[in-house]
Structures are given as structure tokens and as C-alpha cells.
Amino acid sequence: MAKQYSLEPLTVLGCTPPEMINIAARTGYDYVSLRLIPMGVPGEVSCLPSDREMIRKTKAALQDTGVRVHDIELARILKDVVPVSYVPAMEVAAELGASHLISSAWTGERDDRDFVVDRYAEICDLARPFGLTVSLEFPSFSRLTNLSEAADIVRAAGRPNCGILIDSLYFHLSQVCLEEVAALPREWFHFLHVSDTRKEIPPTREGLIHIARDERLYPGEGCIDFAALVEVLPEVIYAIELPNLERVRKYGYEGHARRCLDAARRVLEPPALSGKRRNNLGTDSIRAR
């Protein structure tokens, strides 16, 4: 089965959704992810659910190019935001044909597990009528800093449309074991965020944030063993989340997006993966390197 790829908003953060869709079409992506729930980060361009003209242009771009919407972001779990406020974005996601919603927790506390479980479960319940799964991500500088914590929340919520999103960067930064991934239900995994990074892990939260938002590397340039990671995952969509300010300045958004995809294909498609199968997960504690 041919692998399929999605272009994520952080990779081309300054582009409007129609611009992003057209870049994706010209450079060979199958899907895009759209930021329908803004985060207010510098340079962000979101498609607000209330902006019907932007949604009309987005629909037109999808129809003209054949690119599809894979997922939307970002339904954050926050103390002062009620999940029902995300429903307008879910409605637009369904209107645009999306199948998945990304969520993550940013409560800033370590003793609020029950709150996070309840909020995540509520987001899942709200998303289900729109045909959306809710993939919980674990950025290394968020409330949930590793796969084990994210899996605990998803398991406790117990919703049929739950899921976990692995980002290859956070897989490395959080030093996730491949055995941890292999032990989880395969139906929890719907897509993989793809980028590479240096082996050295920043010692500060600020350093982690800088790498994640401004300085990711093209697949194959860094230390991540994609062959090993792909081996323990089911067949998924590969979503390129690769913000790199220097590369964008050098190549432009389209040139950067093209290089991201070209690099991903080199490491994720045969013959790159041939001969690299891992069959000894039970005896070796293999980590992302």
C-alpha cells in the first residue's frame, strides 16, 4: 500500500489554508491538517470557524486540487477553556471532510489527572458525532510529557474514538521505548508526526520549545531511527510537522514543504526500510537514537 502524507500547519505556519492546500498539491502531499482552533502563537494563520469566506476559499482549493483534510488542531485541555467551545471547529472539520482532531493538555499542574481524564473524555464525546477521532499528543514540555502519561489518560477515558498521536520529535525528547509503543492497542494510532532532530536533548523547557517550534530537521538529517519506529506502528498517515525558520527563509514555504516530503519519502519508503525489520523487541530495550 502506497504511503500517504499530510502537510501540517507548523511546517508552513504563515500560510492561509488555501495557500497551504495549493502548496500541498504542487509538492505531492495527499492531505493537509488545518488549524481551526487558534493558539495565538507568533506568525500563526488560522481558519476561524466563523470566517465563512475563508472556509469557502478553502473548500474551493480542496475541490480544485484533490487534496483532502486529514485532521484539525488543536483542542487543548486547559483549566479555563470548556471543551464545548471547540464544537464550531468540529462542525467545520466535518464540513471539510476531516477525520481526526488533535488534543493535548496544558494545565500546568501535576496533580490534576482526574481533571485531564474528564476533559479529554468530554472532547471525545463532543467529537464523535462529527466522525472525528481525538488523538492525544504528549509534547515534552506540556502537562503530559511522555507516552506512558498519555496512554494512562486515554485508557482511563475509555472512549471509542480515542487515540494517541506520536510525534517523532517528542518520541526522542521523551526517550520513549519502542516496547511502550508496541504494547499499546494498534487502533489508538491514526497518524505519525514526522520530523528529525539532533541527538542532544536540551536541558531546559525553553530549549525544548525552541527545537519544537523553530529548528526541526528533515528526516534523515538527525538521530531518529524511523525504520524502528515505523516497525512498531500500524499503517498510518505520515504527517510532516517540521517548523524550521532558517529553511523557510532559505527556500520559501513551497521549497521547504517539498524538501520535507522528499526527505520523508527517502527514509519511510522502500528500499529505505528493506532489511531493517526489528524482531527482537522482547530482548533489547531499543530507544530512539
C-alpha atoms as a PDB file:
ATOM      1  CA  MET A   1       0.000   0.000   0.000  1.00  0.00           C
ATOM      2  CA  ALA A   2       1.406   3.375  -1.019  1.00  0.00           C
ATOM      3  CA  LYS A   3       2.269   5.622   1.884  1.00  0.00           C
ATOM      4  CA  GLN A   4       0.336   8.856   2.200  1.00  0.00           C
ATOM      5  CA  TYR A   5       1.470  12.187   3.582  1.00  0.00           C
ATOM      6  CA  SER A   6      -0.126  15.225   5.172  1.00  0.00           C
ATOM      7  CA  LEU A   7       1.256  18.762   5.397  1.00  0.00           C
ATOM      8  CA  GLU A   8       0.903  20.171   8.913  1.00  0.00           C
ATOM      9  CA  PRO A   9       0.308  23.852   9.795  1.00  0.00           C
ATOM     10  CA  LEU A  10       3.547  24.370  11.761  1.00  0.00           C
ATOM     11  CA  THR A  11       5.567  23.445   8.668  1.00  0.00           C
ATOM     12  CA  VAL A  12       4.131  26.416   6.751  1.00  0.00           C
ATOM     13  CA  LEU A  13       2.801  28.452   9.651  1.00  0.00           C
ATOM     14  CA  GLY A  14       2.396  31.760   7.800  1.00  0.00           C
ATOM     15  CA  CYS A  15       0.203  30.346   5.025  1.00  0.00           C
ATOM     16  CA  THR A  16      -3.567  30.627   4.822  1.00  0.00           C
ATOM     17  CA  PRO A  17      -5.441  27.324   4.425  1.00  0.00           C
ATOM     18  CA  PRO A  18      -5.980  27.821   0.648  1.00  0.00           C
ATOM     19  CA  GLU A  19      -2.286  28.672   0.206  1.00  0.00           C
ATOM     20  CA  MET A  20      -1.342  25.622   2.225  1.00  0.00           C
ATOM     21  CA  ILE A  21      -3.617  23.360   0.171  1.00  0.00           C
ATOM     22  CA  ASN A  22      -2.168  24.618  -3.094  1.00  0.00           C
ATOM     23  CA  ILE A  23       1.401  24.150  -1.818  1.00  0.00           C
ATOM     24  CA  ALA A  24       0.493  20.618  -0.748  1.00  0.00           C
ATOM     25  CA  ALA A  25      -0.920  19.856  -4.201  1.00  0.00           C
ATOM     26  CA  ARG A  26       2.098  21.235  -6.064  1.00  0.00           C
ATOM     27  CA  THR A  27       4.606  19.383  -3.902  1.00  0.00           C
ATOM     28  CA  GLY A  28       2.923  15.968  -3.768  1.00  0.00           C
ATOM     29  CA  TYR A  29       1.084  15.696  -0.445  1.00  0.00           C
ATOM     30  CA  ASP A  30      -2.179  13.784  -0.170  1.00  0.00           C
ATOM     31  CA  TYR A  31      -3.608  15.687   2.792  1.00  0.00           C
ATOM     32  CA  VAL A  32      -3.363  18.827   4.872  1.00  0.00           C
ATOM     33  CA  SER A  33      -4.033  19.496   8.519  1.00  0.00           C
ATOM     34  CA  LEU A  34      -5.806  22.753   9.325  1.00  0.00           C
ATOM     35  CA  ARG A  35      -5.549  24.874  12.444  1.00  0.00           C
ATOM     36  CA  LEU A  36      -9.231  25.653  13.065  1.00  0.00           C
ATOM     37  CA  ILE A  37      -8.621  26.321  16.766  1.00  0.00           C
ATOM     38  CA  PRO A  38      -6.002  29.088  17.038  1.00  0.00           C
ATOM     39  CA  MET A  39      -3.254  29.053  19.650  1.00  0.00           C
ATOM     40  CA  GLY A  40      -2.146  32.663  19.260  1.00  0.00           C
ATOM     41  CA  VAL A  41       1.489  31.848  18.527  1.00  0.00           C
ATOM     42  CA  PRO A  42       3.567  34.374  16.531  1.00  0.00           C
ATOM     43  CA  GLY A  43       3.078  34.084  12.771  1.00  0.00           C
ATOM     44  CA  GLU A  44       0.047  31.824  13.070  1.00  0.00           C
ATOM     45  CA  VAL A  45      -2.631  31.954  10.372  1.00  0.00           C
ATOM     46  CA  SER A  46      -5.784  30.076  11.366  1.00  0.00           C
ATOM     47  CA  CYS A  47      -9.083  29.432   9.654  1.00  0.00           C
ATOM     48  CA  LEU A  48     -11.666  30.541  12.196  1.00  0.00           C
ATOM     49  CA  PRO A  49     -14.953  28.609  12.048  1.00  0.00           C
ATOM     50  CA  SER A  50     -16.810  31.938  11.835  1.00  0.00           C
ATOM     51  CA  ASP A  51     -14.845  33.080   8.762  1.00  0.00           C
ATOM     52  CA  ARG A  52     -17.192  31.719   6.120  1.00  0.00           C
ATOM     53  CA  GLU A  53     -15.355  33.421   3.267  1.00  0.00           C
ATOM     54  CA  MET A  54     -12.091  31.705   4.227  1.00  0.00           C
ATOM     55  CA  ILE A  55     -13.922  28.400   4.558  1.00  0.00           C
ATOM     56  CA  ARG A  56     -15.453  28.915   1.094  1.00  0.00           C
ATOM     57  CA  LYS A  57     -11.981  29.538  -0.376  1.00  0.00           C
ATOM     58  CA  THR A  58     -10.636  26.524   1.488  1.00  0.00           C
ATOM     59  CA  LYS A  59     -13.373  24.305   0.059  1.00  0.00           C
ATOM     60  CA  ALA A  60     -12.663  25.633  -3.424  1.00  0.00           C
ATOM     61  CA  ALA A  61      -8.952  24.867  -3.066  1.00  0.00           C
ATOM     62  CA  LEU A  62      -9.714  21.343  -1.883  1.00  0.00           C
ATOM     63  CA  GLN A  63     -12.037  20.761  -4.828  1.00  0.00           C
ATOM     64  CA  ASP A  64      -9.619  22.236  -7.362  1.00  0.00           C
ATOM     65  CA  THR A  65      -6.592  20.250  -6.165  1.00  0.00           C
ATOM     66  CA  GLY A  66      -7.979  16.955  -4.880  1.00  0.00           C
ATOM     67  CA  VAL A  67      -6.050  17.397  -1.632  1.00  0.00           C
ATOM     68  CA  ARG A  68      -8.048  16.268   1.404  1.00  0.00           C
ATOM     69  CA  VAL A  69      -8.201  17.443   5.009  1.00  0.00           C
ATOM     70  CA  HIS A  70      -6.810  14.800   7.337  1.00  0.00           C
ATOM     71  CA  ASP A  71      -7.026  16.381  10.783  1.00  0.00           C
ATOM     72  CA  ILE A  72      -7.597  19.651  12.597  1.00  0.00           C
ATOM     73  CA  GLU A  73      -5.910  21.167  15.622  1.00  0.00           C
ATOM     74  CA  LEU A  74      -5.668  21.982  18.458  1.00  0.00           C
ATOM     75  CA  ALA A  75      -8.225  21.110  21.146  1.00  0.00           C
ATOM     76  CA  ARG A  76      -6.125  21.924  24.181  1.00  0.00           C
ATOM     77  CA  ILE A  77      -7.086  20.758  27.654  1.00  0.00           C
ATOM     78  CA  LEU A  78      -6.921  23.942  29.705  1.00  0.00           C
ATOM     79  CA  LYS A  79      -8.296  24.955  33.083  1.00  0.00           C
ATOM     80  CA  ASP A  80     -10.130  27.998  31.743  1.00  0.00           C
ATOM     81  CA  VAL A  81     -11.450  26.664  28.403  1.00  0.00           C
ATOM     82  CA  VAL A  82     -14.553  24.480  28.217  1.00  0.00           C
ATOM     83  CA  PRO A  83     -14.492  21.747  25.560  1.00  0.00           C
ATOM     84  CA  VAL A  84     -17.873  22.768  24.154  1.00  0.00           C
ATOM     85  CA  SER A  85     -16.144  25.876  22.772  1.00  0.00           C
ATOM     86  CA  TYR A  86     -14.426  23.560  20.266  1.00  0.00           C
ATOM     87  CA  VAL A  87     -17.695  22.387  18.714  1.00  0.00           C
ATOM     88  CA  PRO A  88     -17.773  25.067  15.954  1.00  0.00           C
ATOM     89  CA  ALA A  89     -14.341  23.894  14.811  1.00  0.00           C
ATOM     90  CA  MET A  90     -15.531  20.287  14.888  1.00  0.00           C
ATOM     91  CA  GLU A  91     -18.509  21.248  12.725  1.00  0.00           C
ATOM     92  CA  VAL A  92     -16.219  22.853  10.143  1.00  0.00           C
ATOM     93  CA  ALA A  93     -13.861  19.868  10.317  1.00  0.00           C
ATOM     94  CA  ALA A  94     -16.728  17.567   9.355  1.00  0.00           C
ATOM     95  CA  GLU A  95     -17.807  20.006   6.655  1.00  0.00           C
ATOM     96  CA  LEU A  96     -14.310  19.901   5.160  1.00  0.00           C
ATOM     97  CA  GLY A  97     -14.035  16.110   5.385  1.00  0.00           C
ATOM     98  CA  ALA A  98     -11.547  15.763   8.252  1.00  0.00           C
ATOM     99  CA  SER A  99     -11.412  12.518  10.228  1.00  0.00           C
ATOM    100  CA  HIS A 100      -9.180  13.372  13.167  1.00  0.00           C
ATOM    101  CA  LEU A 101      -8.736  16.003  15.874  1.00  0.00           C
ATOM    102  CA  ILE A 102      -5.534  16.600  17.849  1.00  0.00           C
ATOM    103  CA  SER A 103      -5.656  17.291  21.574  1.00  0.00           C
ATOM    104  CA  SER A 104      -3.007  17.955  24.235  1.00  0.00           C
ATOM    105  CA  ALA A 105      -3.005  19.001  27.888  1.00  0.00           C
ATOM    106  CA  TRP A 106      -1.656  22.326  29.162  1.00  0.00           C
ATOM    107  CA  THR A 107      -2.990  22.656  32.695  1.00  0.00           C
ATOM    108  CA  GLY A 108       0.389  23.393  34.230  1.00  0.00           C
ATOM    109  CA  GLU A 109      -0.293  21.111  37.195  1.00  0.00           C
ATOM    110  CA  ARG A 110       0.885  17.616  38.075  1.00  0.00           C
ATOM    111  CA  ASP A 111      -1.903  16.532  40.430  1.00  0.00           C
ATOM    112  CA  ASP A 112      -4.925  17.008  38.167  1.00  0.00           C
ATOM    113  CA  ARG A 113      -5.097  13.619  36.433  1.00  0.00           C
ATOM    114  CA  ASP A 114      -8.833  13.225  37.004  1.00  0.00           C
ATOM    115  CA  PHE A 115      -9.478  16.666  35.522  1.00  0.00           C
ATOM    116  CA  VAL A 116      -7.414  15.822  32.414  1.00  0.00           C
ATOM    117  CA  VAL A 117      -9.206  12.477  32.023  1.00  0.00           C
ATOM    118  CA  ASP A 118     -12.630  14.106  32.309  1.00  0.00           C
ATOM    119  CA  ARG A 119     -11.800  16.899  29.858  1.00  0.00           C
ATOM    120  CA  TYR A 120     -10.271  14.522  27.334  1.00  0.00           C
ATOM    121  CA  ALA A 121     -13.304  12.233  27.586  1.00  0.00           C
ATOM    122  CA  GLU A 122     -15.607  15.217  27.071  1.00  0.00           C
ATOM    123  CA  ILE A 123     -13.694  16.285  23.944  1.00  0.00           C
ATOM    124  CA  CYS A 124     -14.017  12.732  22.602  1.00  0.00           C
ATOM    125  CA  ASP A 125     -17.760  12.701  23.286  1.00  0.00           C
ATOM    126  CA  LEU A 126     -18.243  16.044  21.543  1.00  0.00           C
ATOM    127  CA  ALA A 127     -16.164  14.961  18.542  1.00  0.00           C
ATOM    128  CA  ARG A 128     -17.766  11.575  17.983  1.00  0.00           C
ATOM    129  CA  PRO A 129     -20.996  12.795  16.293  1.00  0.00           C
ATOM    130  CA  PHE A 130     -18.802  14.582  13.722  1.00  0.00           C
ATOM    131  CA  GLY A 131     -16.937  11.381  12.865  1.00  0.00           C
ATOM    132  CA  LEU A 132     -13.709  12.581  14.480  1.00  0.00           C
ATOM    133  CA  THR A 133     -11.194  10.597  16.464  1.00  0.00           C
ATOM    134  CA  VAL A 134      -9.282  12.534  19.132  1.00  0.00           C
ATOM    135  CA  SER A 135      -5.548  11.832  19.167  1.00  0.00           C
ATOM    136  CA  LEU A 136      -3.880  12.884  22.414  1.00  0.00           C
ATOM    137  CA  GLU A 137      -0.352  14.197  21.928  1.00  0.00           C
ATOM    138  CA  PHE A 138       2.404  14.456  24.552  1.00  0.00           C
ATOM    139  CA  PRO A 139       4.705  17.406  23.796  1.00  0.00           C
ATOM    140  CA  SER A 140       7.700  17.062  26.091  1.00  0.00           C
ATOM    141  CA  PHE A 141       7.053  20.482  27.653  1.00  0.00           C
ATOM    142  CA  SER A 142       3.287  20.052  28.183  1.00  0.00           C
ATOM    143  CA  ARG A 143       1.282  18.568  31.062  1.00  0.00           C
ATOM    144  CA  LEU A 144       1.715  15.076  29.590  1.00  0.00           C
ATOM    145  CA  THR A 145       5.420  14.677  28.938  1.00  0.00           C
ATOM    146  CA  ASN A 146       5.663  11.067  27.780  1.00  0.00           C
ATOM    147  CA  LEU A 147       3.783   8.202  26.161  1.00  0.00           C
ATOM    148  CA  SER A 148       3.043   6.470  29.453  1.00  0.00           C
ATOM    149  CA  GLU A 149       1.199   9.512  30.814  1.00  0.00           C
ATOM    150  CA  ALA A 150      -0.772   9.969  27.604  1.00  0.00           C
ATOM    151  CA  ALA A 151      -1.707   6.283  27.470  1.00  0.00           C
ATOM    152  CA  ASP A 152      -2.934   6.451  31.072  1.00  0.00           C
ATOM    153  CA  ILE A 153      -5.332   9.283  30.173  1.00  0.00           C
ATOM    154  CA  VAL A 154      -6.627   7.579  27.029  1.00  0.00           C
ATOM    155  CA  ARG A 155      -7.110   4.263  28.812  1.00  0.00           C
ATOM    156  CA  ALA A 156      -8.948   5.902  31.719  1.00  0.00           C
ATOM    157  CA  ALA A 157     -11.225   7.871  29.388  1.00  0.00           C
ATOM    158  CA  GLY A 158     -12.135   4.685  27.524  1.00  0.00           C
ATOM    159  CA  ARG A 159     -13.844   6.349  24.590  1.00  0.00           C
ATOM    160  CA  PRO A 160     -14.320   4.509  21.249  1.00  0.00           C
ATOM    161  CA  ASN A 161     -12.861   7.408  19.244  1.00  0.00           C
ATOM    162  CA  CYS A 162      -9.793   7.900  21.425  1.00  0.00           C
ATOM    163  CA  GLY A 163      -6.225   7.747  20.218  1.00  0.00           C
ATOM    164  CA  ILE A 164      -2.618   8.743  20.737  1.00  0.00           C
ATOM    165  CA  LEU A 165      -0.519  10.863  18.422  1.00  0.00           C
ATOM    166  CA  ILE A 166       3.192  10.142  18.396  1.00  0.00           C
ATOM    167  CA  ASP A 167       5.411  12.945  17.168  1.00  0.00           C
ATOM    168  CA  SER A 168       8.837  11.583  16.253  1.00  0.00           C
ATOM    169  CA  LEU A 169      10.476  14.625  17.881  1.00  0.00           C
ATOM    170  CA  TYR A 170       8.770  14.064  21.237  1.00  0.00           C
ATOM    171  CA  PHE A 171       9.388  10.332  20.858  1.00  0.00           C
ATOM    172  CA  HIS A 172      13.085  11.210  21.014  1.00  0.00           C
ATOM    173  CA  LEU A 173      12.933  14.060  23.530  1.00  0.00           C
ATOM    174  CA  SER A 174      10.925  11.950  25.979  1.00  0.00           C
ATOM    175  CA  GLN A 175      13.112   8.876  25.337  1.00  0.00           C
ATOM    176  CA  VAL A 176      10.159   6.614  24.614  1.00  0.00           C
ATOM    177  CA  CYS A 177      10.944   2.902  24.335  1.00  0.00           C
ATOM    178  CA  LEU A 178       9.733   1.081  21.249  1.00  0.00           C
ATOM    179  CA  GLU A 179       8.314  -1.594  23.557  1.00  0.00           C
ATOM    180  CA  GLU A 180       5.978   1.026  25.027  1.00  0.00           C
ATOM    181  CA  VAL A 181       4.563   1.759  21.583  1.00  0.00           C
ATOM    182  CA  ALA A 182       4.279  -1.905  20.633  1.00  0.00           C
ATOM    183  CA  ALA A 183       2.366  -2.704  23.850  1.00  0.00           C
ATOM    184  CA  LEU A 184      -0.488  -0.271  23.139  1.00  0.00           C
ATOM    185  CA  PRO A 185      -3.631  -1.058  21.103  1.00  0.00           C
ATOM    186  CA  ARG A 186      -2.849  -0.542  17.425  1.00  0.00           C
ATOM    187  CA  GLU A 187      -6.231   1.083  16.857  1.00  0.00           C
ATOM    188  CA  TRP A 188      -5.114   4.021  19.001  1.00  0.00           C
ATOM    189  CA  PHE A 189      -2.663   5.155  16.307  1.00  0.00           C
ATOM    190  CA  HIS A 190      -4.066   7.058  13.316  1.00  0.00           C
ATOM    191  CA  PHE A 191      -1.083   9.093  12.122  1.00  0.00           C
ATOM    192  CA  LEU A 192       2.524   9.954  12.929  1.00  0.00           C
ATOM    193  CA  HIS A 193       4.039  13.438  13.105  1.00  0.00           C
ATOM    194  CA  VAL A 194       7.335  13.313  11.252  1.00  0.00           C
ATOM    195  CA  SER A 195      10.491  15.379  11.760  1.00  0.00           C
ATOM    196  CA  ASP A 196      14.064  14.709  12.786  1.00  0.00           C
ATOM    197  CA  THR A 197      16.324  16.280  15.411  1.00  0.00           C
ATOM    198  CA  ARG A 198      19.791  16.277  16.906  1.00  0.00           C
ATOM    199  CA  LYS A 199      20.733  13.613  19.443  1.00  0.00           C
ATOM    200  CA  GLU A 200      21.387  16.137  22.226  1.00  0.00           C
ATOM    201  CA  ILE A 201      18.295  16.893  24.313  1.00  0.00           C
ATOM    202  CA  PRO A 202      18.025  20.495  25.576  1.00  0.00           C
ATOM    203  CA  PRO A 203      18.167  20.638  29.396  1.00  0.00           C
ATOM    204  CA  THR A 204      15.564  23.422  29.729  1.00  0.00           C
ATOM    205  CA  ARG A 205      11.912  23.801  28.840  1.00  0.00           C
ATOM    206  CA  GLU A 206      12.789  26.864  26.770  1.00  0.00           C
ATOM    207  CA  GLY A 207      15.295  24.814  24.801  1.00  0.00           C
ATOM    208  CA  LEU A 208      12.735  22.082  24.135  1.00  0.00           C
ATOM    209  CA  ILE A 209      10.210  24.640  22.905  1.00  0.00           C
ATOM    210  CA  HIS A 210      12.777  26.260  20.609  1.00  0.00           C
ATOM    211  CA  ILE A 211      13.623  22.949  18.946  1.00  0.00           C
ATOM    212  CA  ALA A 212       9.954  22.003  18.590  1.00  0.00           C
ATOM    213  CA  ARG A 213       8.769  25.269  17.066  1.00  0.00           C
ATOM    214  CA  ASP A 214      11.739  26.654  15.169  1.00  0.00           C
ATOM    215  CA  GLU A 215      14.505  24.130  14.497  1.00  0.00           C
ATOM    216  CA  ARG A 216      13.354  20.682  13.481  1.00  0.00           C
ATOM    217  CA  LEU A 217      15.397  18.796  10.893  1.00  0.00           C
ATOM    218  CA  TYR A 218      14.484  16.978   7.694  1.00  0.00           C
ATOM    219  CA  PRO A 219      14.057  13.208   8.161  1.00  0.00           C
ATOM    220  CA  GLY A 220      17.433  11.539   7.783  1.00  0.00           C
ATOM    221  CA  GLU A 221      19.404  14.593   8.945  1.00  0.00           C
ATOM    222  CA  GLY A 222      19.265  13.745  12.633  1.00  0.00           C
ATOM    223  CA  CYS A 223      19.260  10.856  15.063  1.00  0.00           C
ATOM    224  CA  ILE A 224      15.762   9.354  14.877  1.00  0.00           C
ATOM    225  CA  ASP A 225      15.518   5.726  13.773  1.00  0.00           C
ATOM    226  CA  PHE A 226      12.370   5.935  11.647  1.00  0.00           C
ATOM    227  CA  ALA A 227      12.684   2.323  10.466  1.00  0.00           C
ATOM    228  CA  ALA A 228      12.425   1.084  14.045  1.00  0.00           C
ATOM    229  CA  LEU A 229       9.547   3.396  14.926  1.00  0.00           C
ATOM    230  CA  VAL A 230       7.521   2.557  11.815  1.00  0.00           C
ATOM    231  CA  GLU A 231       8.063  -1.135  12.557  1.00  0.00           C
ATOM    232  CA  VAL A 232       6.001  -0.992  15.765  1.00  0.00           C
ATOM    233  CA  LEU A 233       3.188   1.138  14.355  1.00  0.00           C
ATOM    234  CA  PRO A 234       0.290   0.074  12.141  1.00  0.00           C
ATOM    235  CA  GLU A 235      -0.022   1.525   8.641  1.00  0.00           C
ATOM    236  CA  VAL A 236      -0.689   5.224   9.277  1.00  0.00           C
ATOM    237  CA  ILE A 237      -0.678   8.595   7.554  1.00  0.00           C
ATOM    238  CA  TYR A 238       2.676  10.376   7.803  1.00  0.00           C
ATOM    239  CA  ALA A 239       2.043  13.986   8.752  1.00  0.00           C
ATOM    240  CA  ILE A 240       5.013  16.295   8.214  1.00  0.00           C
ATOM    241  CA  GLU A 241       5.278  18.673  11.167  1.00  0.00           C
ATOM    242  CA  LEU A 242       8.598  20.362  10.591  1.00  0.00           C
ATOM    243  CA  PRO A 243       8.896  24.041  11.509  1.00  0.00           C
ATOM    244  CA  ASN A 244      12.337  25.414  10.683  1.00  0.00           C
ATOM    245  CA  LEU A 245      12.661  29.182  10.359  1.00  0.00           C
ATOM    246  CA  GLU A 246      16.056  29.065   8.647  1.00  0.00           C
ATOM    247  CA  ARG A 247      14.877  26.631   5.973  1.00  0.00           C
ATOM    248  CA  VAL A 248      11.729  28.656   5.311  1.00  0.00           C
ATOM    249  CA  ARG A 249      13.810  31.814   4.881  1.00  0.00           C
ATOM    250  CA  LYS A 250      16.177  29.975   2.540  1.00  0.00           C
ATOM    251  CA  TYR A 251      13.710  28.010   0.406  1.00  0.00           C
ATOM    252  CA  GLY A 252      10.327  29.682   0.945  1.00  0.00           C
ATOM    253  CA  TYR A 253       7.272  27.799   2.156  1.00  0.00           C
ATOM    254  CA  GLU A 254       6.857  25.734  -1.003  1.00  0.00           C
ATOM    255  CA  GLY A 255      10.528  24.829  -1.289  1.00  0.00           C
ATOM    256  CA  HIS A 256      10.623  23.861   2.373  1.00  0.00           C
ATOM    257  CA  ALA A 257       7.457  21.756   2.110  1.00  0.00           C
ATOM    258  CA  ARG A 258       8.865  19.968  -0.943  1.00  0.00           C
ATOM    259  CA  ARG A 259      12.161  19.182   0.783  1.00  0.00           C
ATOM    260  CA  CYS A 260      10.302  17.906   3.844  1.00  0.00           C
ATOM    261  CA  LEU A 261       8.331  15.440   1.726  1.00  0.00           C
ATOM    262  CA  ASP A 262      11.304  14.356  -0.369  1.00  0.00           C
ATOM    263  CA  ALA A 263      13.311  13.628   2.783  1.00  0.00           C
ATOM    264  CA  ALA A 264      10.404  11.778   4.422  1.00  0.00           C
ATOM    265  CA  ARG A 265       9.987   9.560   1.394  1.00  0.00           C
ATOM    266  CA  ARG A 266      13.672   8.678   1.391  1.00  0.00           C
ATOM    267  CA  VAL A 267      13.534   7.349   4.950  1.00  0.00           C
ATOM    268  CA  LEU A 268       9.969   5.988   5.120  1.00  0.00           C
ATOM    269  CA  GLU A 269       9.566   4.177   1.799  1.00  0.00           C
ATOM    270  CA  PRO A 270      11.284   1.117   0.359  1.00  0.00           C
ATOM    271  CA  PRO A 271      14.085   0.399  -0.248  1.00  0.00           C
ATOM    272  CA  ALA A 272      14.941   2.617   2.752  1.00  0.00           C
ATOM    273  CA  LEU A 273      13.145   0.243   5.121  1.00  0.00           C
ATOM    274  CA  SER A 274      14.156  -3.036   3.495  1.00  0.00           C
ATOM    275  CA  GLY A 275      16.418  -5.181   5.634  1.00  0.00           C
ATOM    276  CA  LYS A 276      15.763  -3.064   8.736  1.00  0.00           C
ATOM    277  CA  ARG A 277      12.987  -5.032  10.373  1.00  0.00           C
ATOM    278  CA  ARG A 278      13.271  -5.365  14.130  1.00  0.00           C
ATOM    279  CA  ASN A 279      12.242  -8.769  15.508  1.00  0.00           C
ATOM    280  CA  ASN A 280      13.840  -8.718  18.943  1.00  0.00           C
ATOM    281  CA  LEU A 281      11.833  -6.122  20.828  1.00  0.00           C
ATOM    282  CA  GLY A 282      11.353  -8.567  23.664  1.00  0.00           C
ATOM    283  CA  THR A 283      15.082  -8.878  24.356  1.00  0.00           C
ATOM    284  CA  ASP A 284      16.504  -5.464  23.632  1.00  0.00           C
ATOM    285  CA  SER A 285      15.446  -2.200  25.173  1.00  0.00           C
ATOM    286  CA  ILE A 286      15.618  -0.150  21.996  1.00  0.00           C
ATOM    287  CA  ARG A 287      15.308   3.576  22.329  1.00  0.00           C
ATOM    288  CA  ALA A 288      15.046   6.364  19.808  1.00  0.00           C
ATOM    289  CA  ARG A 289      18.596   7.358  18.953  1.00  0.00           C
END
